[in-house]
Amino acid sequence: MNQPSGKNSPIIKGRIVAHLGKALIVEDDEGQTALCKKRTQLEQPAVGDYVEWIRTEAGAGRVEKVLERRSLLSRPAKKGNVRPVAANLDQIVAILAVKPNIDPLLLDQYLIVCEFQDIAPLIVLNKTDLLDEESRKTIDELVLIYKKLGYEVVEVSAVEKTGLNELRQHLQNKTSILVGQSGVGKSTITNALLPDLAIQTKTLSTASGLGKHTTTLSTLYKLPEGGDIIDSPGVNIFGLAHITEQNLAYGFREIRHFADQCKYSNCMHLKEPKCAVKDNVENGEISKQRYLRYLKLRDKLSY
């Protein structure tokens, strides 16, 4: 017998594990799922959100409230708006392929978003099996820059299955989102980390009642070692929403570190006199390549 959807329906706590257009799949504490809509006036929930919901009928419900988030990752949407991608993340895992080449500007944009959102970043370099002696040297130099800044870097070969155990340790008991451009091997890594991916996918498809060909915007999968991976197809870069040329420097750890030593508190680290950032670029404390990418992004944001 269907349960009424009125005020007498008990409030259930759960977590959003999939976003299917306007529909949401919510999982309760016992691992049971329900296909839910959201209350009309409610803000747009995201995968990873903890919510309060009511059951409206068997296998279906309505999300009544989004509980407080510890983090929210958004991406630019139409008309200058932003759209939530994932909530309550512990880390953003930026996957890059060492071949044909890494785009450091894209990597820096991922890291800037992490700094502003206060979400820990993890850099994963895939396809290391393709490195020759010359490209190995280039990659080592690049990796050193980021390690000196305190960023965690894991090198893997999804094909040869090397580095995956180290990656699993970084993912254990955390909620992570995997991001990366097409061709970096994100799907191969996801499959390697989730041996029961097909089973989890089937469970969500059954819960949706819409079949396996449903377009899923984002999905949360459970890792066998503990922890969750949020997969959001098409989310390659989030853009620098709410980031301006004035506050961009905050997204660069080393610039932020030395900015307090600049003569002027509003220093943009361009042509100002007694700029500690420029001084430390000159003496090698700040990577010149990173500084040039800072300037490039400032130019992009000024338009």
C-alpha atoms as a PDB file:
ATOM      1  CA  MET A   1       0.000   0.000   0.000  1.00  0.00           C
ATOM      2  CA  ASN A   2       1.351   3.422  -0.970  1.00  0.00           C
ATOM      3  CA  GLN A   3       2.293   5.753   1.808  1.00  0.00           C
ATOM      4  CA  PRO A   4       0.728   9.234   1.664  1.00  0.00           C
ATOM      5  CA  SER A   5       3.008  12.122   0.824  1.00  0.00           C
ATOM      6  CA  GLY A   6       1.511  14.515   3.331  1.00  0.00           C
ATOM      7  CA  LYS A   7       2.776  15.910   6.597  1.00  0.00           C
ATOM      8  CA  ASN A   8       2.529  12.562   8.380  1.00  0.00           C
ATOM      9  CA  SER A   9       5.166  10.900   6.202  1.00  0.00           C
ATOM     10  CA  PRO A  10       8.250  10.258   8.330  1.00  0.00           C
ATOM     11  CA  ILE A  11      11.418  12.172   7.496  1.00  0.00           C
ATOM     12  CA  ILE A  12      14.217   9.886   6.293  1.00  0.00           C
ATOM     13  CA  LYS A  13      17.878  10.864   6.126  1.00  0.00           C
ATOM     14  CA  GLY A  14      19.841   9.839   3.043  1.00  0.00           C
ATOM     15  CA  ARG A  15      22.463  10.775   0.501  1.00  0.00           C
ATOM     16  CA  ILE A  16      22.068  11.621  -3.164  1.00  0.00           C
ATOM     17  CA  VAL A  17      23.985   8.999  -5.167  1.00  0.00           C
ATOM     18  CA  ALA A  18      22.876   9.882  -8.704  1.00  0.00           C
ATOM     19  CA  HIS A  19      21.506  12.865 -10.589  1.00  0.00           C
ATOM     20  CA  LEU A  20      19.376  12.006 -13.630  1.00  0.00           C
ATOM     21  CA  GLY A  21      18.216  15.252 -15.155  1.00  0.00           C
ATOM     22  CA  LYS A  22      15.427  16.403 -12.816  1.00  0.00           C
ATOM     23  CA  ALA A  23      15.309  13.092 -10.960  1.00  0.00           C
ATOM     24  CA  LEU A  24      17.529  12.102  -8.047  1.00  0.00           C
ATOM     25  CA  ILE A  25      18.406   8.709  -6.605  1.00  0.00           C
ATOM     26  CA  VAL A  26      18.644   8.864  -2.828  1.00  0.00           C
ATOM     27  CA  GLU A  27      20.148   6.122  -0.673  1.00  0.00           C
ATOM     28  CA  ASP A  28      19.116   5.662   2.956  1.00  0.00           C
ATOM     29  CA  ASP A  29      21.306   4.471   5.838  1.00  0.00           C
ATOM     30  CA  GLU A  30      20.462   0.839   5.071  1.00  0.00           C
ATOM     31  CA  GLY A  31      21.580   1.079   1.449  1.00  0.00           C
ATOM     32  CA  GLN A  32      18.045   1.130   0.007  1.00  0.00           C
ATOM     33  CA  THR A  33      17.500   3.518  -2.912  1.00  0.00           C
ATOM     34  CA  ALA A  34      14.533   5.575  -4.060  1.00  0.00           C
ATOM     35  CA  LEU A  35      13.849   7.730  -7.103  1.00  0.00           C
ATOM     36  CA  CYS A  36      13.094  11.220  -5.813  1.00  0.00           C
ATOM     37  CA  LYS A  37      11.999  14.611  -6.985  1.00  0.00           C
ATOM     38  CA  LYS A  38      12.873  17.722  -5.019  1.00  0.00           C
ATOM     39  CA  ARG A  39      10.463  20.042  -3.280  1.00  0.00           C
ATOM     40  CA  THR A  40       9.634  22.848  -5.722  1.00  0.00           C
ATOM     41  CA  GLN A  41      11.260  25.735  -3.860  1.00  0.00           C
ATOM     42  CA  LEU A  42      14.324  23.761  -2.808  1.00  0.00           C
ATOM     43  CA  GLU A  43      17.780  24.717  -4.050  1.00  0.00           C
ATOM     44  CA  GLN A  44      19.293  22.360  -6.623  1.00  0.00           C
ATOM     45  CA  PRO A  45      20.831  19.390  -4.777  1.00  0.00           C
ATOM     46  CA  ALA A  46      24.061  17.759  -5.946  1.00  0.00           C
ATOM     47  CA  VAL A  47      25.397  14.226  -5.876  1.00  0.00           C
ATOM     48  CA  GLY A  48      27.046  13.699  -2.496  1.00  0.00           C
ATOM     49  CA  ASP A  49      24.505  15.879  -0.676  1.00  0.00           C
ATOM     50  CA  TYR A  50      23.061  14.568   2.569  1.00  0.00           C
ATOM     51  CA  VAL A  51      19.334  15.220   2.562  1.00  0.00           C
ATOM     52  CA  GLU A  52      16.078  14.738   4.392  1.00  0.00           C
ATOM     53  CA  TRP A  53      13.370  13.132   2.263  1.00  0.00           C
ATOM     54  CA  ILE A  54       9.957  11.520   2.541  1.00  0.00           C
ATOM     55  CA  ARG A  55       8.635   8.408   0.841  1.00  0.00           C
ATOM     56  CA  THR A  56       5.682   9.158  -1.450  1.00  0.00           C
ATOM     57  CA  GLU A  57       5.196   5.599  -2.693  1.00  0.00           C
ATOM     58  CA  ALA A  58       7.190   2.373  -2.930  1.00  0.00           C
ATOM     59  CA  GLY A  59      10.630   3.162  -4.377  1.00  0.00           C
ATOM     60  CA  ALA A  60       9.878   6.877  -4.766  1.00  0.00           C
ATOM     61  CA  GLY A  61      10.054  10.009  -2.682  1.00  0.00           C
ATOM     62  CA  ARG A  62      10.608  13.737  -2.433  1.00  0.00           C
ATOM     63  CA  VAL A  63      13.675  15.569  -1.121  1.00  0.00           C
ATOM     64  CA  GLU A  64      12.548  18.088   1.483  1.00  0.00           C
ATOM     65  CA  LYS A  65      15.817  19.555   2.720  1.00  0.00           C
ATOM     66  CA  VAL A  66      19.506  19.671   1.779  1.00  0.00           C
ATOM     67  CA  LEU A  67      21.637  19.353   4.917  1.00  0.00           C
ATOM     68  CA  GLU A  68      24.648  21.571   5.552  1.00  0.00           C
ATOM     69  CA  ARG A  69      27.523  20.902   3.158  1.00  0.00           C
ATOM     70  CA  ARG A  70      31.194  20.816   4.056  1.00  0.00           C
ATOM     71  CA  SER A  71      32.094  21.597   0.434  1.00  0.00           C
ATOM     72  CA  LEU A  72      30.400  22.230  -2.903  1.00  0.00           C
ATOM     73  CA  LEU A  73      31.927  22.055  -6.347  1.00  0.00           C
ATOM     74  CA  SER A  74      30.096  24.089  -8.988  1.00  0.00           C
ATOM     75  CA  ARG A  75      30.582  24.775 -12.664  1.00  0.00           C
ATOM     76  CA  PRO A  76      29.537  27.701 -14.859  1.00  0.00           C
ATOM     77  CA  ALA A  77      26.066  27.418 -16.393  1.00  0.00           C
ATOM     78  CA  LYS A  78      24.071  29.556 -18.820  1.00  0.00           C
ATOM     79  CA  LYS A  79      23.429  33.266 -18.279  1.00  0.00           C
ATOM     80  CA  GLY A  80      26.263  33.667 -15.790  1.00  0.00           C
ATOM     81  CA  ASN A  81      24.789  31.190 -13.326  1.00  0.00           C
ATOM     82  CA  VAL A  82      26.565  28.243 -11.694  1.00  0.00           C
ATOM     83  CA  ARG A  83      25.391  24.649 -11.408  1.00  0.00           C
ATOM     84  CA  PRO A  84      26.310  22.350  -8.508  1.00  0.00           C
ATOM     85  CA  VAL A  85      28.335  19.312  -9.586  1.00  0.00           C
ATOM     86  CA  ALA A  86      29.191  17.480  -6.365  1.00  0.00           C
ATOM     87  CA  ALA A  87      28.877  18.111  -2.635  1.00  0.00           C
ATOM     88  CA  ASN A  88      30.762  17.072   0.492  1.00  0.00           C
ATOM     89  CA  LEU A  89      33.940  16.309  -1.414  1.00  0.00           C
ATOM     90  CA  ASP A  90      37.184  15.577   0.397  1.00  0.00           C
ATOM     91  CA  GLN A  91      39.330  15.799  -2.718  1.00  0.00           C
ATOM     92  CA  ILE A  92      39.416  16.520  -6.425  1.00  0.00           C
ATOM     93  CA  VAL A  93      41.475  13.983  -8.366  1.00  0.00           C
ATOM     94  CA  ALA A  94      42.901  15.627 -11.487  1.00  0.00           C
ATOM     95  CA  ILE A  95      43.858  12.914 -13.988  1.00  0.00           C
ATOM     96  CA  LEU A  96      46.313  13.892 -16.701  1.00  0.00           C
ATOM     97  CA  ALA A  97      47.938  11.771 -19.398  1.00  0.00           C
ATOM     98  CA  VAL A  98      51.701  12.158 -19.728  1.00  0.00           C
ATOM     99  CA  LYS A  99      51.369  11.354 -23.441  1.00  0.00           C
ATOM    100  CA  PRO A 100      50.925  13.079 -25.798  1.00  0.00           C
ATOM    101  CA  ASN A 101      51.510  15.878 -23.266  1.00  0.00           C
ATOM    102  CA  ILE A 102      50.311  17.484 -20.053  1.00  0.00           C
ATOM    103  CA  ASP A 103      48.630  20.878 -20.201  1.00  0.00           C
ATOM    104  CA  PRO A 104      50.053  22.693 -17.125  1.00  0.00           C
ATOM    105  CA  LEU A 105      47.605  25.589 -17.599  1.00  0.00           C
ATOM    106  CA  LEU A 106      44.674  23.180 -17.261  1.00  0.00           C
ATOM    107  CA  LEU A 107      46.299  21.580 -14.212  1.00  0.00           C
ATOM    108  CA  ASP A 108      46.755  25.000 -12.617  1.00  0.00           C
ATOM    109  CA  GLN A 109      43.071  25.767 -13.191  1.00  0.00           C
ATOM    110  CA  TYR A 110      42.081  22.558 -11.412  1.00  0.00           C
ATOM    111  CA  LEU A 111      44.344  23.505  -8.506  1.00  0.00           C
ATOM    112  CA  ILE A 112      43.003  27.072  -8.366  1.00  0.00           C
ATOM    113  CA  VAL A 113      39.474  25.705  -7.995  1.00  0.00           C
ATOM    114  CA  CYS A 114      40.704  23.427  -5.180  1.00  0.00           C
ATOM    115  CA  GLU A 115      42.329  26.351  -3.366  1.00  0.00           C
ATOM    116  CA  PHE A 116      39.222  28.527  -3.572  1.00  0.00           C
ATOM    117  CA  GLN A 117      36.831  25.700  -2.647  1.00  0.00           C
ATOM    118  CA  ASP A 118      39.161  24.454   0.117  1.00  0.00           C
ATOM    119  CA  ILE A 119      39.049  20.915  -1.310  1.00  0.00           C
ATOM    120  CA  ALA A 120      42.249  18.867  -1.246  1.00  0.00           C
ATOM    121  CA  PRO A 121      43.702  18.206  -4.714  1.00  0.00           C
ATOM    122  CA  LEU A 122      45.349  14.988  -5.866  1.00  0.00           C
ATOM    123  CA  ILE A 123      47.325  15.010  -9.123  1.00  0.00           C
ATOM    124  CA  VAL A 124      47.336  11.694 -10.992  1.00  0.00           C
ATOM    125  CA  LEU A 125      49.672  11.235 -13.944  1.00  0.00           C
ATOM    126  CA  ASN A 126      48.451   8.358 -16.109  1.00  0.00           C
ATOM    127  CA  LYS A 127      50.084   6.462 -18.999  1.00  0.00           C
ATOM    128  CA  THR A 128      53.555   6.539 -17.422  1.00  0.00           C
ATOM    129  CA  ASP A 129      54.317   3.337 -19.365  1.00  0.00           C
ATOM    130  CA  LEU A 130      54.613   5.519 -22.485  1.00  0.00           C
ATOM    131  CA  LEU A 131      57.455   7.678 -21.158  1.00  0.00           C
ATOM    132  CA  ASP A 132      60.857   7.559 -22.807  1.00  0.00           C
ATOM    133  CA  GLU A 133      64.043   8.970 -21.283  1.00  0.00           C
ATOM    134  CA  GLU A 134      63.563  12.506 -22.614  1.00  0.00           C
ATOM    135  CA  SER A 135      59.881  12.831 -21.718  1.00  0.00           C
ATOM    136  CA  ARG A 136      60.591  11.232 -18.310  1.00  0.00           C
ATOM    137  CA  LYS A 137      63.011  14.091 -17.552  1.00  0.00           C
ATOM    138  CA  THR A 138      60.405  16.700 -18.543  1.00  0.00           C
ATOM    139  CA  ILE A 139      57.727  15.070 -16.389  1.00  0.00           C
ATOM    140  CA  ASP A 140      60.091  14.795 -13.398  1.00  0.00           C
ATOM    141  CA  GLU A 141      60.855  18.527 -13.627  1.00  0.00           C
ATOM    142  CA  LEU A 142      57.144  19.366 -13.771  1.00  0.00           C
ATOM    143  CA  VAL A 143      56.276  17.042 -10.886  1.00  0.00           C
ATOM    144  CA  LEU A 144      59.007  18.587  -8.725  1.00  0.00           C
ATOM    145  CA  ILE A 145      57.424  22.044  -9.075  1.00  0.00           C
ATOM    146  CA  TYR A 146      54.114  20.784  -7.675  1.00  0.00           C
ATOM    147  CA  LYS A 147      55.632  18.572  -4.981  1.00  0.00           C
ATOM    148  CA  LYS A 148      57.618  21.562  -3.680  1.00  0.00           C
ATOM    149  CA  LEU A 149      54.298  23.387  -3.305  1.00  0.00           C
ATOM    150  CA  GLY A 150      52.937  20.537  -1.175  1.00  0.00           C
ATOM    151  CA  TYR A 151      50.718  18.911  -3.795  1.00  0.00           C
ATOM    152  CA  GLU A 152      50.364  15.125  -3.750  1.00  0.00           C
ATOM    153  CA  VAL A 153      51.294  13.486  -7.066  1.00  0.00           C
ATOM    154  CA  VAL A 154      50.621   9.833  -7.941  1.00  0.00           C
ATOM    155  CA  GLU A 155      51.976   8.248 -11.098  1.00  0.00           C
ATOM    156  CA  VAL A 156      49.994   5.353 -12.551  1.00  0.00           C
ATOM    157  CA  SER A 157      49.706   3.193 -15.599  1.00  0.00           C
ATOM    158  CA  ALA A 158      46.127   1.991 -15.843  1.00  0.00           C
ATOM    159  CA  VAL A 159      47.177  -0.355 -18.644  1.00  0.00           C
ATOM    160  CA  GLU A 160      50.036  -1.950 -16.712  1.00  0.00           C
ATOM    161  CA  LYS A 161      48.160  -1.529 -13.412  1.00  0.00           C
ATOM    162  CA  THR A 162      51.105   0.172 -11.691  1.00  0.00           C
ATOM    163  CA  GLY A 163      50.561   2.859  -9.059  1.00  0.00           C
ATOM    164  CA  LEU A 164      46.927   1.857  -8.528  1.00  0.00           C
ATOM    165  CA  ASN A 165      47.495   0.614  -4.959  1.00  0.00           C
ATOM    166  CA  GLU A 166      49.001   3.985  -4.018  1.00  0.00           C
ATOM    167  CA  LEU A 167      46.038   5.704  -5.641  1.00  0.00           C
ATOM    168  CA  ARG A 168      43.621   3.490  -3.686  1.00  0.00           C
ATOM    169  CA  GLN A 169      45.299   4.546  -0.434  1.00  0.00           C
ATOM    170  CA  HIS A 170      44.714   8.214  -1.300  1.00  0.00           C
ATOM    171  CA  LEU A 171      41.047   7.508  -2.047  1.00  0.00           C
ATOM    172  CA  GLN A 172      40.306   5.328   0.976  1.00  0.00           C
ATOM    173  CA  ASN A 173      37.547   6.619   3.280  1.00  0.00           C
ATOM    174  CA  LYS A 174      37.228   9.863   1.305  1.00  0.00           C
ATOM    175  CA  THR A 175      34.700  11.232  -1.150  1.00  0.00           C
ATOM    176  CA  SER A 176      36.558  12.117  -4.342  1.00  0.00           C
ATOM    177  CA  ILE A 177      35.610  13.356  -7.784  1.00  0.00           C
ATOM    178  CA  LEU A 178      37.681  12.277 -10.763  1.00  0.00           C
ATOM    179  CA  VAL A 179      38.189  14.956 -13.403  1.00  0.00           C
ATOM    180  CA  GLY A 180      40.163  14.971 -16.610  1.00  0.00           C
ATOM    181  CA  GLN A 181      39.901  15.658 -20.301  1.00  0.00           C
ATOM    182  CA  SER A 182      38.792  13.055 -22.790  1.00  0.00           C
ATOM    183  CA  GLY A 183      41.558  10.569 -23.530  1.00  0.00           C
ATOM    184  CA  VAL A 184      43.428  10.749 -20.214  1.00  0.00           C
ATOM    185  CA  GLY A 185      42.199   7.294 -19.177  1.00  0.00           C
ATOM    186  CA  LYS A 186      39.631   8.300 -16.549  1.00  0.00           C
ATOM    187  CA  SER A 187      37.289   5.433 -17.485  1.00  0.00           C
ATOM    188  CA  THR A 188      40.118   2.873 -17.432  1.00  0.00           C
ATOM    189  CA  ILE A 189      41.181   4.034 -13.967  1.00  0.00           C
ATOM    190  CA  THR A 190      37.564   4.032 -12.718  1.00  0.00           C
ATOM    191  CA  ASN A 191      37.085   0.462 -13.960  1.00  0.00           C
ATOM    192  CA  ALA A 192      40.319  -0.628 -12.282  1.00  0.00           C
ATOM    193  CA  LEU A 193      39.276   0.928  -8.960  1.00  0.00           C
ATOM    194  CA  LEU A 194      35.726  -0.439  -9.073  1.00  0.00           C
ATOM    195  CA  PRO A 195      35.707  -4.175  -9.849  1.00  0.00           C
ATOM    196  CA  ASP A 196      31.941  -4.261  -9.233  1.00  0.00           C
ATOM    197  CA  LEU A 197      31.190  -1.182 -11.355  1.00  0.00           C
ATOM    198  CA  ALA A 198      28.715  -3.090 -13.556  1.00  0.00           C
ATOM    199  CA  ILE A 199      26.774  -4.270 -10.490  1.00  0.00           C
ATOM    200  CA  GLN A 200      26.633  -0.785  -8.956  1.00  0.00           C
ATOM    201  CA  THR A 201      25.546   0.692 -12.300  1.00  0.00           C
ATOM    202  CA  LYS A 202      22.800  -1.922 -12.672  1.00  0.00           C
ATOM    203  CA  THR A 203      21.539  -1.197  -9.151  1.00  0.00           C
ATOM    204  CA  LEU A 204      21.226   2.506  -9.950  1.00  0.00           C
ATOM    205  CA  SER A 205      19.569   1.792 -13.309  1.00  0.00           C
ATOM    206  CA  THR A 206      17.011  -0.424 -11.566  1.00  0.00           C
ATOM    207  CA  ALA A 207      16.373   2.265  -8.949  1.00  0.00           C
ATOM    208  CA  SER A 208      15.775   4.856 -11.644  1.00  0.00           C
ATOM    209  CA  GLY A 209      13.306   2.612 -13.450  1.00  0.00           C
ATOM    210  CA  LEU A 210      14.516   4.228 -16.639  1.00  0.00           C
ATOM    211  CA  GLY A 211      16.807   1.488 -17.971  1.00  0.00           C
ATOM    212  CA  LYS A 212      20.544   1.362 -18.550  1.00  0.00           C
ATOM    213  CA  HIS A 213      20.526   4.021 -21.277  1.00  0.00           C
ATOM    214  CA  THR A 214      19.522   6.782 -18.882  1.00  0.00           C
ATOM    215  CA  THR A 215      21.648   9.917 -19.220  1.00  0.00           C
ATOM    216  CA  THR A 216      23.276  10.317 -15.815  1.00  0.00           C
ATOM    217  CA  LEU A 217      24.754  13.701 -14.996  1.00  0.00           C
ATOM    218  CA  SER A 218      26.666  12.484 -11.934  1.00  0.00           C
ATOM    219  CA  THR A 219      26.954   9.216 -10.028  1.00  0.00           C
ATOM    220  CA  LEU A 220      28.468   8.220  -6.696  1.00  0.00           C
ATOM    221  CA  TYR A 221      30.157   4.799  -6.571  1.00  0.00           C
ATOM    222  CA  LYS A 222      31.382   2.976  -3.476  1.00  0.00           C
ATOM    223  CA  LEU A 223      35.008   1.834  -3.311  1.00  0.00           C
ATOM    224  CA  PRO A 224      35.644  -1.687  -1.965  1.00  0.00           C
ATOM    225  CA  GLU A 225      38.293  -0.321   0.436  1.00  0.00           C
ATOM    226  CA  GLY A 226      35.898   2.303   1.794  1.00  0.00           C
ATOM    227  CA  GLY A 227      35.257   5.745   0.349  1.00  0.00           C
ATOM    228  CA  ASP A 228      33.346   7.022  -2.655  1.00  0.00           C
ATOM    229  CA  ILE A 229      34.111   8.158  -6.177  1.00  0.00           C
ATOM    230  CA  ILE A 230      31.849  10.665  -7.892  1.00  0.00           C
ATOM    231  CA  ASP A 231      31.928  10.384 -11.648  1.00  0.00           C
ATOM    232  CA  SER A 232      30.542  13.352 -13.531  1.00  0.00           C
ATOM    233  CA  PRO A 233      30.738  12.741 -17.303  1.00  0.00           C
ATOM    234  CA  GLY A 234      31.593  15.812 -19.329  1.00  0.00           C
ATOM    235  CA  VAL A 235      33.019  17.716 -16.362  1.00  0.00           C
ATOM    236  CA  ASN A 236      36.498  18.327 -17.732  1.00  0.00           C
ATOM    237  CA  ILE A 237      37.040  21.762 -16.321  1.00  0.00           C
ATOM    238  CA  PHE A 238      34.894  23.823 -14.035  1.00  0.00           C
ATOM    239  CA  GLY A 239      35.988  27.203 -15.241  1.00  0.00           C
ATOM    240  CA  LEU A 240      36.986  29.914 -12.820  1.00  0.00           C
ATOM    241  CA  ALA A 241      33.526  30.945 -11.677  1.00  0.00           C
ATOM    242  CA  HIS A 242      33.564  33.777  -9.086  1.00  0.00           C
ATOM    243  CA  ILE A 243      37.325  34.177  -9.578  1.00  0.00           C
ATOM    244  CA  THR A 244      38.482  37.580 -10.790  1.00  0.00           C
ATOM    245  CA  GLU A 245      41.792  39.043 -11.898  1.00  0.00           C
ATOM    246  CA  GLN A 246      41.883  40.770  -8.489  1.00  0.00           C
ATOM    247  CA  ASN A 247      41.647  37.593  -6.382  1.00  0.00           C
ATOM    248  CA  LEU A 248      43.245  35.058  -8.764  1.00  0.00           C
ATOM    249  CA  ALA A 249      46.550  35.172  -6.853  1.00  0.00           C
ATOM    250  CA  TYR A 250      44.875  33.359  -3.943  1.00  0.00           C
ATOM    251  CA  GLY A 251      44.682  30.248  -6.132  1.00  0.00           C
ATOM    252  CA  PHE A 252      48.475  30.082  -6.440  1.00  0.00           C
ATOM    253  CA  ARG A 253      49.960  28.858  -3.150  1.00  0.00           C
ATOM    254  CA  GLU A 254      53.396  30.349  -3.718  1.00  0.00           C
ATOM    255  CA  ILE A 255      52.054  33.758  -4.804  1.00  0.00           C
ATOM    256  CA  ARG A 256      49.712  33.830  -1.819  1.00  0.00           C
ATOM    257  CA  HIS A 257      52.641  32.974   0.447  1.00  0.00           C
ATOM    258  CA  PHE A 258      54.845  35.860  -0.696  1.00  0.00           C
ATOM    259  CA  ALA A 259      52.071  38.419  -1.365  1.00  0.00           C
ATOM    260  CA  ASP A 260      52.080  39.581   2.270  1.00  0.00           C
ATOM    261  CA  GLN A 261      55.666  40.791   1.786  1.00  0.00           C
ATOM    262  CA  CYS A 262      54.785  43.087  -1.129  1.00  0.00           C
ATOM    263  CA  LYS A 263      55.034  46.832  -0.484  1.00  0.00           C
ATOM    264  CA  TYR A 264      51.411  47.437  -1.529  1.00  0.00           C
ATOM    265  CA  SER A 265      48.569  45.423  -0.003  1.00  0.00           C
ATOM    266  CA  ASN A 266      46.637  45.492  -3.287  1.00  0.00           C
ATOM    267  CA  CYS A 267      49.682  44.445  -5.365  1.00  0.00           C
ATOM    268  CA  MET A 268      48.713  42.589  -8.547  1.00  0.00           C
ATOM    269  CA  HIS A 269      52.297  41.301  -8.980  1.00  0.00           C
ATOM    270  CA  LEU A 270      52.635  42.853 -12.418  1.00  0.00           C
ATOM    271  CA  LYS A 271      54.703  46.044 -12.596  1.00  0.00           C
ATOM    272  CA  GLU A 272      54.421  47.334  -9.050  1.00  0.00           C
ATOM    273  CA  PRO A 273      57.664  48.351  -7.271  1.00  0.00           C
ATOM    274  CA  LYS A 274      59.008  46.214  -4.413  1.00  0.00           C
ATOM    275  CA  CYS A 275      56.843  43.252  -5.349  1.00  0.00           C
ATOM    276  CA  ALA A 276      57.976  40.235  -3.298  1.00  0.00           C
ATOM    277  CA  VAL A 277      56.339  37.851  -5.774  1.00  0.00           C
ATOM    278  CA  LYS A 278      58.312  39.170  -8.745  1.00  0.00           C
ATOM    279  CA  ASP A 279      61.492  39.194  -6.631  1.00  0.00           C
ATOM    280  CA  ASN A 280      60.993  35.526  -5.792  1.00  0.00           C
ATOM    281  CA  VAL A 281      60.333  34.683  -9.431  1.00  0.00           C
ATOM    282  CA  GLU A 282      63.697  36.273 -10.227  1.00  0.00           C
ATOM    283  CA  ASN A 283      65.569  34.365  -7.527  1.00  0.00           C
ATOM    284  CA  GLY A 284      63.917  31.052  -8.430  1.00  0.00           C
ATOM    285  CA  GLU A 285      61.782  30.598  -5.315  1.00  0.00           C
ATOM    286  CA  ILE A 286      58.669  30.815  -7.507  1.00  0.00           C
ATOM    287  CA  SER A 287      58.533  28.821 -10.724  1.00  0.00           C
ATOM    288  CA  LYS A 288      58.742  31.232 -13.648  1.00  0.00           C
ATOM    289  CA  GLN A 289      56.451  28.955 -15.684  1.00  0.00           C
ATOM    290  CA  ARG A 290      53.777  29.056 -12.980  1.00  0.00           C
ATOM    291  CA  TYR A 291      54.090  32.848 -12.726  1.00  0.00           C
ATOM    292  CA  LEU A 292      53.679  33.213 -16.507  1.00  0.00           C
ATOM    293  CA  ARG A 293      50.564  31.027 -16.346  1.00  0.00           C
ATOM    294  CA  TYR A 294      49.243  33.294 -13.568  1.00  0.00           C
ATOM    295  CA  LEU A 295      49.694  36.254 -15.936  1.00  0.00           C
ATOM    296  CA  LYS A 296      48.013  34.366 -18.761  1.00  0.00           C
ATOM    297  CA  LEU A 297      44.982  33.527 -16.637  1.00  0.00           C
ATOM    298  CA  ARG A 298      44.764  37.142 -15.413  1.00  0.00           C
ATOM    299  CA  ASP A 299      44.577  38.243 -19.037  1.00  0.00           C
ATOM    300  CA  LYS A 300      41.793  35.742 -19.722  1.00  0.00           C
ATOM    301  CA  LEU A 301      39.813  36.915 -16.687  1.00  0.00           C
ATOM    302  CA  SER A 302      40.153  40.586 -17.617  1.00  0.00           C
ATOM    303  CA  TYR A 303      38.021  40.210 -20.741  1.00  0.00           C
END
